């Protein structure tokens, strides 16, 4: 998946954001909350930059699962950002 995400051009930013969110979800299922948070943050950054509210919502949908790892610094930071986004 990493290679596919890397190959996406700038005109496919929404697709890239969606794939990053899917990848973050996979990392969460695999018990890798730090990597999941970093990947979800990349997706959120991109979605915010291109004004893609549905992509932001996809990242926000990870919040219940991420909350289990709120004690992890990177996850806590992402959760704060998600709350700020609304």
PDB file of N, CA and C in Angstrom:
ATOM      1  N   UNK A   1       0.824  -1.184   0.000  1.00  0.00           N
ATOM      2  CA  UNK A   1       0.000   0.000   0.000  1.00  0.00           C
ATOM      3  C   UNK A   1       0.874   1.256   0.000  1.00  0.00           C
ATOM      4  N   UNK A   2       2.000   1.199   0.716  1.00  0.00           N
ATOM      5  CA  UNK A   2       2.895   2.360   0.765  1.00  0.00           C
ATOM      6  C   UNK A   2       3.312   2.801  -0.633  1.00  0.00           C
ATOM      7  N   UNK A   3       3.680   1.836  -1.454  1.00  0.00           N
ATOM      8  CA  UNK A   3       4.128   2.171  -2.804  1.00  0.00           C
ATOM      9  C   UNK A   3       3.003   2.809  -3.606  1.00  0.00           C
ATOM     10  N   UNK A   4       1.812   2.260  -3.494  1.00  0.00           N
ATOM     11  CA  UNK A   4       0.665   2.814  -4.211  1.00  0.00           C
ATOM     12  C   UNK A   4       0.361   4.239  -3.782  1.00  0.00           C
ATOM     13  N   UNK A   5       0.447   4.503  -2.487  1.00  0.00           N
ATOM     14  CA  UNK A   5       0.211   5.852  -1.977  1.00  0.00           C
ATOM     15  C   UNK A   5       1.269   6.806  -2.514  1.00  0.00           C
ATOM     16  N   UNK A   6       2.505   6.352  -2.530  1.00  0.00           N
ATOM     17  CA  UNK A   6       3.608   7.180  -3.019  1.00  0.00           C
ATOM     18  C   UNK A   6       3.443   7.511  -4.496  1.00  0.00           C
ATOM     19  N   UNK A   7       2.894   6.594  -5.258  1.00  0.00           N
ATOM     20  CA  UNK A   7       2.757   6.795  -6.698  1.00  0.00           C
ATOM     21  C   UNK A   7       1.602   7.718  -7.088  1.00  0.00           C
ATOM     22  N   UNK A   8       0.703   8.000  -6.158  1.00  0.00           N
ATOM     23  CA  UNK A   8      -0.421   8.878  -6.481  1.00  0.00           C
ATOM     24  C   UNK A   8       0.072  10.300  -6.732  1.00  0.00           C
ATOM     25  N   UNK A   9      -0.418  10.893  -7.795  1.00  0.00           N
ATOM     26  CA  UNK A   9      -0.022  12.260  -8.138  1.00  0.00           C
ATOM     27  C   UNK A   9      -0.790  13.268  -7.287  1.00  0.00           C
ATOM     28  N   UNK A  10      -0.362  14.512  -7.337  1.00  0.00           N
ATOM     29  CA  UNK A  10      -1.002  15.575  -6.556  1.00  0.00           C
ATOM     30  C   UNK A  10      -2.471  15.748  -6.934  1.00  0.00           C
ATOM     31  N   UNK A  11      -2.829  15.390  -8.148  1.00  0.00           N
ATOM     32  CA  UNK A  11      -4.228  15.517  -8.565  1.00  0.00           C
ATOM     33  C   UNK A  11      -5.111  14.448  -7.922  1.00  0.00           C
ATOM     34  N   UNK A  12      -4.508  13.495  -7.261  1.00  0.00           N
ATOM     35  CA  UNK A  12      -5.247  12.414  -6.595  1.00  0.00           C
ATOM     36  C   UNK A  12      -5.169  12.540  -5.075  1.00  0.00           C
ATOM     37  N   UNK A  13      -5.151  13.766  -4.585  1.00  0.00           N
ATOM     38  CA  UNK A  13      -4.969  14.010  -3.154  1.00  0.00           C
ATOM     39  C   UNK A  13      -6.077  13.404  -2.297  1.00  0.00           C
ATOM     40  N   UNK A  14      -7.316  13.484  -2.762  1.00  0.00           N
ATOM     41  CA  UNK A  14      -8.409  12.886  -1.980  1.00  0.00           C
ATOM     42  C   UNK A  14      -8.226  11.374  -1.875  1.00  0.00           C
ATOM     43  N   UNK A  15      -7.867  10.760  -2.985  1.00  0.00           N
ATOM     44  CA  UNK A  15      -7.622   9.317  -2.979  1.00  0.00           C
ATOM     45  C   UNK A  15      -6.495   8.977  -2.016  1.00  0.00           C
ATOM     46  N   UNK A  16      -5.449   9.786  -2.035  1.00  0.00           N
ATOM     47  CA  UNK A  16      -4.317   9.563  -1.138  1.00  0.00           C
ATOM     48  C   UNK A  16      -4.761   9.667   0.314  1.00  0.00           C
ATOM     49  N   UNK A  17      -5.576  10.658   0.624  1.00  0.00           N
ATOM     50  CA  UNK A  17      -6.072  10.819   1.991  1.00  0.00           C
ATOM     51  C   UNK A  17      -6.898   9.608   2.423  1.00  0.00           C
ATOM     52  N   UNK A  18      -7.747   9.128   1.535  1.00  0.00           N
ATOM     53  CA  UNK A  18      -8.566   7.945   1.832  1.00  0.00           C
ATOM     54  C   UNK A  18      -7.675   6.731   2.089  1.00  0.00           C
ATOM     55  N   UNK A  19      -6.703   6.513   1.220  1.00  0.00           N
ATOM     56  CA  UNK A  19      -5.808   5.363   1.390  1.00  0.00           C
ATOM     57  C   UNK A  19      -5.001   5.461   2.678  1.00  0.00           C
ATOM     58  N   UNK A  20      -4.550   6.666   3.018  1.00  0.00           N
ATOM     59  CA  UNK A  20      -3.819   6.842   4.277  1.00  0.00           C
ATOM     60  C   UNK A  20      -4.702   6.485   5.470  1.00  0.00           C
ATOM     61  N   UNK A  21      -5.966   6.855   5.399  1.00  0.00           N
ATOM     62  CA  UNK A  21      -6.886   6.518   6.488  1.00  0.00           C
ATOM     63  C   UNK A  21      -7.089   5.010   6.577  1.00  0.00           C
ATOM     64  N   UNK A  22      -7.247   4.357   5.435  1.00  0.00           N
ATOM     65  CA  UNK A  22      -7.360   2.893   5.439  1.00  0.00           C
ATOM     66  C   UNK A  22      -6.109   2.258   6.039  1.00  0.00           C
ATOM     67  N   UNK A  23      -4.965   2.809   5.688  1.00  0.00           N
ATOM     68  CA  UNK A  23      -3.710   2.279   6.209  1.00  0.00           C
ATOM     69  C   UNK A  23      -3.637   2.484   7.725  1.00  0.00           C
ATOM     70  N   UNK A  24      -4.060   3.640   8.199  1.00  0.00           N
ATOM     71  CA  UNK A  24      -4.072   3.904   9.642  1.00  0.00           C
ATOM     72  C   UNK A  24      -4.984   2.915  10.359  1.00  0.00           C
ATOM     73  N   UNK A  25      -6.120   2.634   9.755  1.00  0.00           N
ATOM     74  CA  UNK A  25      -7.054   1.668  10.329  1.00  0.00           C
ATOM     75  C   UNK A  25      -6.407   0.283  10.439  1.00  0.00           C
ATOM     76  N   UNK A  26      -5.660  -0.098   9.432  1.00  0.00           N
ATOM     77  CA  UNK A  26      -4.955  -1.380   9.451  1.00  0.00           C
ATOM     78  C   UNK A  26      -3.920  -1.410  10.564  1.00  0.00           C
ATOM     79  N   UNK A  27      -3.164  -0.324  10.720  1.00  0.00           N
ATOM     80  CA  UNK A  27      -2.180  -0.254  11.800  1.00  0.00           C
ATOM     81  C   UNK A  27      -2.858  -0.378  13.166  1.00  0.00           C
ATOM     82  N   UNK A  28      -4.016   0.230  13.318  1.00  0.00           N
ATOM     83  CA  UNK A  28      -4.742   0.094  14.586  1.00  0.00           C
ATOM     84  C   UNK A  28      -5.122  -1.358  14.841  1.00  0.00           C
ATOM     85  N   UNK A  29      -5.639  -2.024  13.822  1.00  0.00           N
ATOM     86  CA  UNK A  29      -6.016  -3.438  13.973  1.00  0.00           C
ATOM     87  C   UNK A  29      -4.811  -4.297  14.314  1.00  0.00           C
ATOM     88  N   UNK A  30      -3.639  -3.896  13.814  1.00  0.00           N
ATOM     89  CA  UNK A  30      -2.411  -4.651  14.070  1.00  0.00           C
ATOM     90  C   UNK A  30      -1.758  -4.282  15.398  1.00  0.00           C
ATOM     91  N   UNK A  31      -2.395  -3.396  16.163  1.00  0.00           N
ATOM     92  CA  UNK A  31      -1.854  -3.013  17.466  1.00  0.00           C
ATOM     93  C   UNK A  31      -0.672  -2.065  17.390  1.00  0.00           C
ATOM     94  N   UNK A  32      -0.640  -1.230  16.369  1.00  0.00           N
ATOM     95  CA  UNK A  32       0.443  -0.260  16.165  1.00  0.00           C
ATOM     96  C   UNK A  32      -0.114   1.164  16.265  1.00  0.00           C
ATOM     97  N   UNK A  33      -0.492   1.611  17.464  1.00  0.00           N
ATOM     98  CA  UNK A  33      -1.161   2.914  17.578  1.00  0.00           C
ATOM     99  C   UNK A  33      -0.294   4.106  17.190  1.00  0.00           C
ATOM    100  N   UNK A  34       1.010   4.043  17.442  1.00  0.00           N
ATOM    101  CA  UNK A  34       1.868   5.180  17.097  1.00  0.00           C
ATOM    102  C   UNK A  34       1.936   5.369  15.583  1.00  0.00           C
ATOM    103  N   UNK A  35       2.108   4.265  14.870  1.00  0.00           N
ATOM    104  CA  UNK A  35       2.166   4.341  13.408  1.00  0.00           C
ATOM    105  C   UNK A  35       0.796   4.731  12.862  1.00  0.00           C
ATOM    106  N   UNK A  36      -0.257   4.200  13.467  1.00  0.00           N
ATOM    107  CA  UNK A  36      -1.613   4.558  13.048  1.00  0.00           C
ATOM    108  C   UNK A  36      -1.848   6.051  13.216  1.00  0.00           C
ATOM    109  N   UNK A  37      -1.421   6.602  14.343  1.00  0.00           N
ATOM    110  CA  UNK A  37      -1.614   8.034  14.596  1.00  0.00           C
ATOM    111  C   UNK A  37      -0.826   8.872  13.601  1.00  0.00           C
ATOM    112  N   UNK A  38       0.404   8.478  13.324  1.00  0.00           N
ATOM    113  CA  UNK A  38       1.221   9.230  12.364  1.00  0.00           C
ATOM    114  C   UNK A  38       0.588   9.203  10.973  1.00  0.00           C
ATOM    115  N   UNK A  39       0.082   8.052  10.588  1.00  0.00           N
ATOM    116  CA  UNK A  39      -0.531   7.908   9.269  1.00  0.00           C
ATOM    117  C   UNK A  39      -1.845   8.673   9.198  1.00  0.00           C
ATOM    118  N   UNK A  40      -2.651   8.580  10.240  1.00  0.00           N
ATOM    119  CA  UNK A  40      -3.915   9.320  10.281  1.00  0.00           C
ATOM    120  C   UNK A  40      -3.662  10.827  10.293  1.00  0.00           C
ATOM    121  N   UNK A  41      -2.596  11.242  10.953  1.00  0.00           N
ATOM    122  CA  UNK A  41      -2.245  12.666  10.970  1.00  0.00           C
ATOM    123  C   UNK A  41      -1.879  13.138   9.568  1.00  0.00           C
ATOM    124  N   UNK A  42      -1.135  12.324   8.834  1.00  0.00           N
ATOM    125  CA  UNK A  42      -0.816  12.674   7.435  1.00  0.00           C
ATOM    126  C   UNK A  42      -2.092  12.827   6.619  1.00  0.00           C
ATOM    127  N   UNK A  43      -3.032  11.918   6.825  1.00  0.00           N
ATOM    128  CA  UNK A  43      -4.296  11.988   6.107  1.00  0.00           C
ATOM    129  C   UNK A  43      -5.069  13.242   6.492  1.00  0.00           C
ATOM    130  N   UNK A  44      -5.125  13.530   7.783  1.00  0.00           N
ATOM    131  CA  UNK A  44      -5.847  14.714   8.262  1.00  0.00           C
ATOM    132  C   UNK A  44      -5.207  15.995   7.727  1.00  0.00           C
ATOM    133  N   UNK A  45      -3.889  16.056   7.738  1.00  0.00           N
ATOM    134  CA  UNK A  45      -3.186  17.228   7.199  1.00  0.00           C
ATOM    135  C   UNK A  45      -3.549  17.446   5.732  1.00  0.00           C
ATOM    136  N   UNK A  46      -3.491  16.376   4.969  1.00  0.00           N
ATOM    137  CA  UNK A  46      -3.793  16.464   3.546  1.00  0.00           C
ATOM    138  C   UNK A  46      -5.253  16.846   3.324  1.00  0.00           C
ATOM    139  N   UNK A  47      -6.160  16.187   4.015  1.00  0.00           N
ATOM    140  CA  UNK A  47      -7.588  16.471   3.860  1.00  0.00           C
ATOM    141  C   UNK A  47      -7.909  17.915   4.233  1.00  0.00           C
ATOM    142  N   UNK A  48      -7.273  18.413   5.269  1.00  0.00           N
ATOM    143  CA  UNK A  48      -7.495  19.804   5.683  1.00  0.00           C
ATOM    144  C   UNK A  48      -6.943  20.769   4.638  1.00  0.00           C
ATOM    145  N   UNK A  49      -5.777  20.457   4.108  1.00  0.00           N
ATOM    146  CA  UNK A  49      -5.132  21.328   3.122  1.00  0.00           C
ATOM    147  C   UNK A  49      -5.953  21.436   1.838  1.00  0.00           C
ATOM    148  N   UNK A  50      -6.583  20.337   1.421  1.00  0.00           N
ATOM    149  CA  UNK A  50      -7.343  20.356   0.162  1.00  0.00           C
ATOM    150  C   UNK A  50      -8.836  20.580   0.401  1.00  0.00           C
ATOM    151  N   UNK A  51      -9.197  20.848   1.647  1.00  0.00           N
ATOM    152  CA  UNK A  51     -10.591  21.099   2.020  1.00  0.00           C
ATOM    153  C   UNK A  51     -11.494  19.941   1.577  1.00  0.00           C
ATOM    154  N   UNK A  52     -11.201  18.769   2.136  1.00  0.00           N
ATOM    155  CA  UNK A  52     -11.955  17.553   1.817  1.00  0.00           C
ATOM    156  C   UNK A  52     -12.661  17.057   3.081  1.00  0.00           C
ATOM    157  N   UNK A  53     -13.839  17.601   3.384  1.00  0.00           N
ATOM    158  CA  UNK A  53     -14.512  17.267   4.641  1.00  0.00           C
ATOM    159  C   UNK A  53     -14.844  15.786   4.811  1.00  0.00           C
ATOM    160  N   UNK A  54     -15.151  15.098   3.729  1.00  0.00           N
ATOM    161  CA  UNK A  54     -15.442  13.663   3.872  1.00  0.00           C
ATOM    162  C   UNK A  54     -14.202  12.889   4.294  1.00  0.00           C
ATOM    163  N   UNK A  55     -13.050  13.311   3.814  1.00  0.00           N
ATOM    164  CA  UNK A  55     -11.797  12.665   4.219  1.00  0.00           C
ATOM    165  C   UNK A  55     -11.500  12.959   5.686  1.00  0.00           C
ATOM    166  N   UNK A  56     -11.782  14.177   6.116  1.00  0.00           N
ATOM    167  CA  UNK A  56     -11.616  14.520   7.535  1.00  0.00           C
ATOM    168  C   UNK A  56     -12.537  13.645   8.377  1.00  0.00           C
ATOM    169  N   UNK A  57     -13.759  13.448   7.910  1.00  0.00           N
ATOM    170  CA  UNK A  57     -14.715  12.603   8.632  1.00  0.00           C
ATOM    171  C   UNK A  57     -14.210  11.169   8.737  1.00  0.00           C
ATOM    172  N   UNK A  58     -13.581  10.680   7.692  1.00  0.00           N
ATOM    173  CA  UNK A  58     -13.035   9.320   7.743  1.00  0.00           C
ATOM    174  C   UNK A  58     -11.993   9.194   8.847  1.00  0.00           C
ATOM    175  N   UNK A  59     -11.128  10.196   8.970  1.00  0.00           N
ATOM    176  CA  UNK A  59     -10.127  10.169  10.042  1.00  0.00           C
ATOM    177  C   UNK A  59     -10.833  10.266  11.386  1.00  0.00           C
ATOM    178  N   UNK A  60     -11.812  11.142  11.477  1.00  0.00           N
ATOM    179  CA  UNK A  60     -12.550  11.305  12.728  1.00  0.00           C
ATOM    180  C   UNK A  60     -13.235   9.995  13.140  1.00  0.00           C
ATOM    181  N   UNK A  61     -13.642   9.203  12.175  1.00  0.00           N
ATOM    182  CA  UNK A  61     -14.290   7.920  12.473  1.00  0.00           C
ATOM    183  C   UNK A  61     -13.351   6.933  13.170  1.00  0.00           C
ATOM    184  N   UNK A  62     -12.052   7.193  13.120  1.00  0.00           N
ATOM    185  CA  UNK A  62     -11.080   6.347  13.820  1.00  0.00           C
ATOM    186  C   UNK A  62     -11.002   6.683  15.311  1.00  0.00           C
ATOM    187  N   UNK A  63     -11.606   7.796  15.707  1.00  0.00           N
ATOM    188  CA  UNK A  63     -11.467   8.285  17.079  1.00  0.00           C
ATOM    189  C   UNK A  63     -11.838   7.261  18.155  1.00  0.00           C
ATOM    190  N   UNK A  64     -12.940   6.537  18.040  1.00  0.00           N
ATOM    191  CA  UNK A  64     -13.252   5.569  19.106  1.00  0.00           C
ATOM    192  C   UNK A  64     -12.143   4.535  19.323  1.00  0.00           C
ATOM    193  N   UNK A  65     -11.598   4.030  18.243  1.00  0.00           N
ATOM    194  CA  UNK A  65     -10.520   3.039  18.366  1.00  0.00           C
ATOM    195  C   UNK A  65      -9.233   3.694  18.861  1.00  0.00           C
ATOM    196  N   UNK A  66      -8.934   4.886  18.357  1.00  0.00           N
ATOM    197  CA  UNK A  66      -7.737   5.605  18.807  1.00  0.00           C
ATOM    198  C   UNK A  66      -7.803   5.925  20.297  1.00  0.00           C
ATOM    199  N   UNK A  67      -8.993   6.191  20.789  1.00  0.00           N
ATOM    200  CA  UNK A  67      -9.165   6.578  22.198  1.00  0.00           C
ATOM    201  C   UNK A  67      -8.633   5.527  23.164  1.00  0.00           C
ATOM    202  N   UNK A  68      -8.599   4.289  22.735  1.00  0.00           N
ATOM    203  CA  UNK A  68      -8.040   3.227  23.582  1.00  0.00           C
ATOM    204  C   UNK A  68      -6.563   3.462  23.869  1.00  0.00           C
ATOM    205  N   UNK A  69      -5.913   4.245  23.015  1.00  0.00           N
ATOM    206  CA  UNK A  69      -4.475   4.499  23.132  1.00  0.00           C
ATOM    207  C   UNK A  69      -4.184   5.963  23.451  1.00  0.00           C
ATOM    208  N   UNK A  70      -5.130   6.647  24.073  1.00  0.00           N
ATOM    209  CA  UNK A  70      -4.993   8.083  24.351  1.00  0.00           C
ATOM    210  C   UNK A  70      -3.761   8.394  25.188  1.00  0.00           C
ATOM    211  N   UNK A  71      -3.286   7.419  25.962  1.00  0.00           N
ATOM    212  CA  UNK A  71      -2.093   7.620  26.799  1.00  0.00           C
ATOM    213  C   UNK A  71      -0.809   7.707  25.971  1.00  0.00           C
ATOM    214  N   UNK A  72      -0.869   7.290  24.717  1.00  0.00           N
ATOM    215  CA  UNK A  72       0.281   7.373  23.818  1.00  0.00           C
ATOM    216  C   UNK A  72       0.348   8.797  23.272  1.00  0.00           C
ATOM    217  N   UNK A  73       1.524   9.424  23.363  1.00  0.00           N
ATOM    218  CA  UNK A  73       1.662  10.847  23.021  1.00  0.00           C
ATOM    219  C   UNK A  73       1.126  11.184  21.631  1.00  0.00           C
ATOM    220  N   UNK A  74       1.541  10.436  20.622  1.00  0.00           N
ATOM    221  CA  UNK A  74       1.125  10.770  19.257  1.00  0.00           C
ATOM    222  C   UNK A  74      -0.379  10.606  19.067  1.00  0.00           C
ATOM    223  N   UNK A  75      -0.951   9.614  19.730  1.00  0.00           N
ATOM    224  CA  UNK A  75      -2.396   9.411  19.645  1.00  0.00           C
ATOM    225  C   UNK A  75      -3.113  10.541  20.375  1.00  0.00           C
ATOM    226  N   UNK A  76      -2.623  10.903  21.548  1.00  0.00           N
ATOM    227  CA  UNK A  76      -3.228  11.998  22.304  1.00  0.00           C
ATOM    228  C   UNK A  76      -3.235  13.297  21.518  1.00  0.00           C
ATOM    229  N   UNK A  77      -2.131  13.578  20.837  1.00  0.00           N
ATOM    230  CA  UNK A  77      -2.043  14.793  20.018  1.00  0.00           C
ATOM    231  C   UNK A  77      -3.057  14.762  18.878  1.00  0.00           C
ATOM    232  N   UNK A  78      -3.182  13.617  18.226  1.00  0.00           N
ATOM    233  CA  UNK A  78      -4.148  13.497  17.138  1.00  0.00           C
ATOM    234  C   UNK A  78      -5.568  13.658  17.664  1.00  0.00           C
ATOM    235  N   UNK A  79      -5.872  13.047  18.794  1.00  0.00           N
ATOM    236  CA  UNK A  79      -7.211  13.176  19.367  1.00  0.00           C
ATOM    237  C   UNK A  79      -7.533  14.633  19.688  1.00  0.00           C
ATOM    238  N   UNK A  80      -6.559  15.375  20.194  1.00  0.00           N
ATOM    239  CA  UNK A  80      -6.767  16.807  20.452  1.00  0.00           C
ATOM    240  C   UNK A  80      -7.081  17.549  19.164  1.00  0.00           C
ATOM    241  N   UNK A  81      -6.336  17.251  18.118  1.00  0.00           N
ATOM    242  CA  UNK A  81      -6.598  17.896  16.822  1.00  0.00           C
ATOM    243  C   UNK A  81      -7.988  17.566  16.309  1.00  0.00           C
ATOM    244  N   UNK A  82      -8.388  16.313  16.446  1.00  0.00           N
ATOM    245  CA  UNK A  82      -9.712  15.917  15.967  1.00  0.00           C
ATOM    246  C   UNK A  82     -10.810  16.644  16.731  1.00  0.00           C
ATOM    247  N   UNK A  83     -10.619  16.825  18.023  1.00  0.00           N
ATOM    248  CA  UNK A  83     -11.607  17.572  18.813  1.00  0.00           C
ATOM    249  C   UNK A  83     -11.658  19.030  18.377  1.00  0.00           C
ATOM    250  N   UNK A  84     -10.508  19.592  18.042  1.00  0.00           N
ATOM    251  CA  UNK A  84     -10.442  20.988  17.612  1.00  0.00           C
ATOM    252  C   UNK A  84     -11.108  21.190  16.245  1.00  0.00           C
ATOM    253  N   UNK A  85     -10.998  20.172  15.389  1.00  0.00           N
ATOM    254  CA  UNK A  85     -11.602  20.255  14.061  1.00  0.00           C
ATOM    255  C   UNK A  85     -13.120  20.230  14.180  1.00  0.00           C
ATOM    256  N   UNK A  86     -13.609  19.623  15.230  1.00  0.00           N
ATOM    257  CA  UNK A  86     -15.046  19.625  15.470  1.00  0.00           C
ATOM    258  C   UNK A  86     -15.627  18.314  15.240  1.00  0.00           C
TER     259      UNK A  86
END
